Amino acid sequence: MSGQGIWGHDDTTGYSKGIDLVGYKVEANDGGIGKIDKHSEEVGASLIVVDTGVWIFGKHVLLPAGVITRIDTEEQTVYVNRSKEQIKNAPEFDEAEYGTGPSYLEQFARYYNQPHM
């Protein structure tokens, strides 16, 4: 990783500051999970929020930038290094809690910093 840990974009993903990722499709290791609904470039808290649509009945999931492995701007697709099951079992994104401070994001950091398959 780029020294920013789970909340930073890896230098090899093809990410450039200012890219609007909202609307991009998101692909897990084993298939599509939805489209990006929100994107934050905040230093130390870069993330995407994915609308999973009917896959998990409209659940929104937060993914730290550190799980992104590749961004394909031509295909408008973001690839992440987690399985659909791991994403499905992640803490649910809560719009009301988002932005309340680092303690809210800690639960996601703990979950996504776990070893992955």
Protein backbone atom coordinates (compact mmCIF):
# COMPACT_ATOMS: atom_id res chain seq x y z
CA MET A 1 0.00 0.00 0.00
CA SER A 2 0.98 3.60 -0.38
CA GLY A 3 1.74 4.19 3.28
CA GLN A 4 -1.78 5.43 3.90
CA GLY A 5 -3.01 2.06 5.11
CA ILE A 6 -6.56 0.92 4.57
CA TRP A 7 -7.81 4.49 3.98
CA GLY A 8 -5.44 5.37 1.13
CA HIS A 9 -5.35 4.53 -2.57
CA ASP A 10 -2.52 2.22 -3.57
CA ASP A 11 -0.26 3.81 -6.18
CA THR A 12 -0.81 0.88 -8.57
CA THR A 13 -4.61 1.07 -8.84
CA GLY A 14 -4.77 3.70 -11.56
CA TYR A 15 -6.46 6.19 -9.24
CA SER A 16 -5.93 9.89 -9.93
CA LYS A 17 -7.14 12.62 -7.60
CA GLY A 18 -10.27 14.22 -9.00
CA ILE A 19 -11.69 11.14 -10.76
CA ASP A 20 -15.42 11.01 -10.05
CA LEU A 21 -16.08 7.36 -9.21
CA VAL A 22 -19.81 7.84 -8.51
CA GLY A 23 -21.77 5.55 -10.83
CA TYR A 24 -18.84 3.17 -11.47
CA LYS A 25 -19.58 -0.55 -11.19
CA VAL A 26 -17.79 -2.45 -8.40
CA GLU A 27 -16.40 -5.95 -8.93
CA ALA A 28 -15.43 -8.20 -6.02
CA ASN A 29 -13.11 -11.19 -6.50
CA ASP A 30 -16.12 -13.30 -7.44
CA GLY A 31 -18.50 -10.94 -9.24
CA GLY A 32 -20.30 -7.62 -9.28
CA ILE A 33 -21.65 -6.09 -6.09
CA GLY A 34 -23.26 -2.84 -7.26
CA LYS A 35 -22.47 0.77 -8.15
CA ILE A 36 -20.67 3.52 -6.30
CA ASP A 37 -23.09 5.91 -4.62
CA LYS A 38 -20.54 8.07 -2.75
CA HIS A 39 -16.82 8.65 -3.01
CA SER A 40 -14.51 10.50 -0.62
CA GLU A 41 -10.94 11.54 -1.39
CA GLU A 42 -10.34 12.81 2.14
CA VAL A 43 -6.73 12.21 3.14
CA GLY A 44 -6.63 9.38 5.67
CA ALA A 45 -10.28 8.53 5.02
CA SER A 46 -10.58 7.81 1.29
CA LEU A 47 -13.48 5.46 0.65
CA ILE A 48 -16.35 4.45 -1.58
CA VAL A 49 -19.94 3.66 -0.61
CA VAL A 50 -21.57 1.04 -2.82
CA ASP A 51 -25.29 0.69 -3.45
CA THR A 52 -25.71 -3.08 -3.69
CA GLY A 53 -29.18 -2.79 -5.23
CA VAL A 54 -31.15 -6.03 -5.20
CA TRP A 55 -28.07 -8.14 -4.42
CA ILE A 56 -28.32 -7.38 -0.67
CA PHE A 57 -31.76 -5.77 -0.82
CA GLY A 58 -30.65 -2.18 -1.15
CA LYS A 59 -27.91 -2.27 1.47
CA HIS A 60 -25.15 0.30 1.19
CA VAL A 61 -21.64 -0.84 2.06
CA LEU A 62 -18.58 1.26 2.83
CA LEU A 63 -15.27 0.12 1.34
CA PRO A 64 -11.99 1.77 2.34
CA ALA A 65 -9.84 2.86 -0.62
CA GLY A 66 -7.18 0.34 0.46
CA VAL A 67 -9.27 -2.60 -0.78
CA ILE A 68 -9.34 -1.20 -4.33
CA THR A 69 -6.95 -3.09 -6.61
CA ARG A 70 -7.70 -1.46 -9.96
CA ILE A 71 -9.77 1.33 -11.48
CA ASP A 72 -10.74 0.97 -15.14
CA THR A 73 -11.90 4.41 -16.28
CA GLU A 74 -12.84 3.19 -19.79
CA GLU A 75 -15.13 0.47 -18.42
CA GLN A 76 -16.08 2.64 -15.41
CA THR A 77 -15.37 -0.28 -13.09
CA VAL A 78 -13.59 -0.47 -9.73
CA TYR A 79 -12.10 -3.82 -8.69
CA VAL A 80 -11.70 -4.73 -5.02
CA ASN A 81 -9.74 -7.53 -3.31
CA ARG A 82 -12.59 -8.93 -1.23
CA SER A 83 -15.22 -11.58 -1.95
CA LYS A 84 -18.93 -10.88 -2.24
CA GLU A 85 -19.43 -12.77 1.03
CA GLN A 86 -16.86 -10.64 2.88
CA ILE A 87 -18.53 -7.48 1.60
CA LYS A 88 -21.99 -8.80 2.45
CA ASN A 89 -20.86 -9.46 6.05
CA ALA A 90 -19.25 -6.03 6.49
CA PRO A 91 -20.73 -3.49 8.91
CA GLU A 92 -23.65 -1.69 7.28
CA PHE A 93 -23.12 1.88 6.13
CA ASP A 94 -25.21 4.33 8.15
CA GLU A 95 -25.68 7.71 6.48
CA ALA A 96 -26.60 9.34 9.81
CA GLU A 97 -23.37 8.15 11.47
CA TYR A 98 -21.09 8.87 8.52
CA GLY A 99 -19.02 11.97 9.12
CA THR A 100 -19.35 11.86 12.90
CA GLY A 101 -15.64 11.26 13.32
CA PRO A 102 -12.91 8.66 13.23
CA SER A 103 -14.63 6.35 15.71
CA TYR A 104 -17.35 5.55 13.14
CA LEU A 105 -14.75 4.56 10.54
CA GLU A 106 -12.81 2.42 13.05
CA GLN A 107 -15.33 -0.43 12.79
CA PHE A 108 -14.69 -0.60 9.04
CA ALA A 109 -10.92 -0.42 9.49
CA ARG A 110 -11.06 -3.32 11.97
CA TYR A 111 -13.24 -5.38 9.61
CA TYR A 112 -11.30 -4.74 6.40
CA ASN A 113 -7.84 -5.00 8.00
CA GLN A 114 -8.58 -8.64 8.78
CA PRO A 115 -6.70 -11.12 6.59
CA HIS A 116 -8.58 -11.73 3.37
CA MET A 117 -8.72 -14.64 1.00
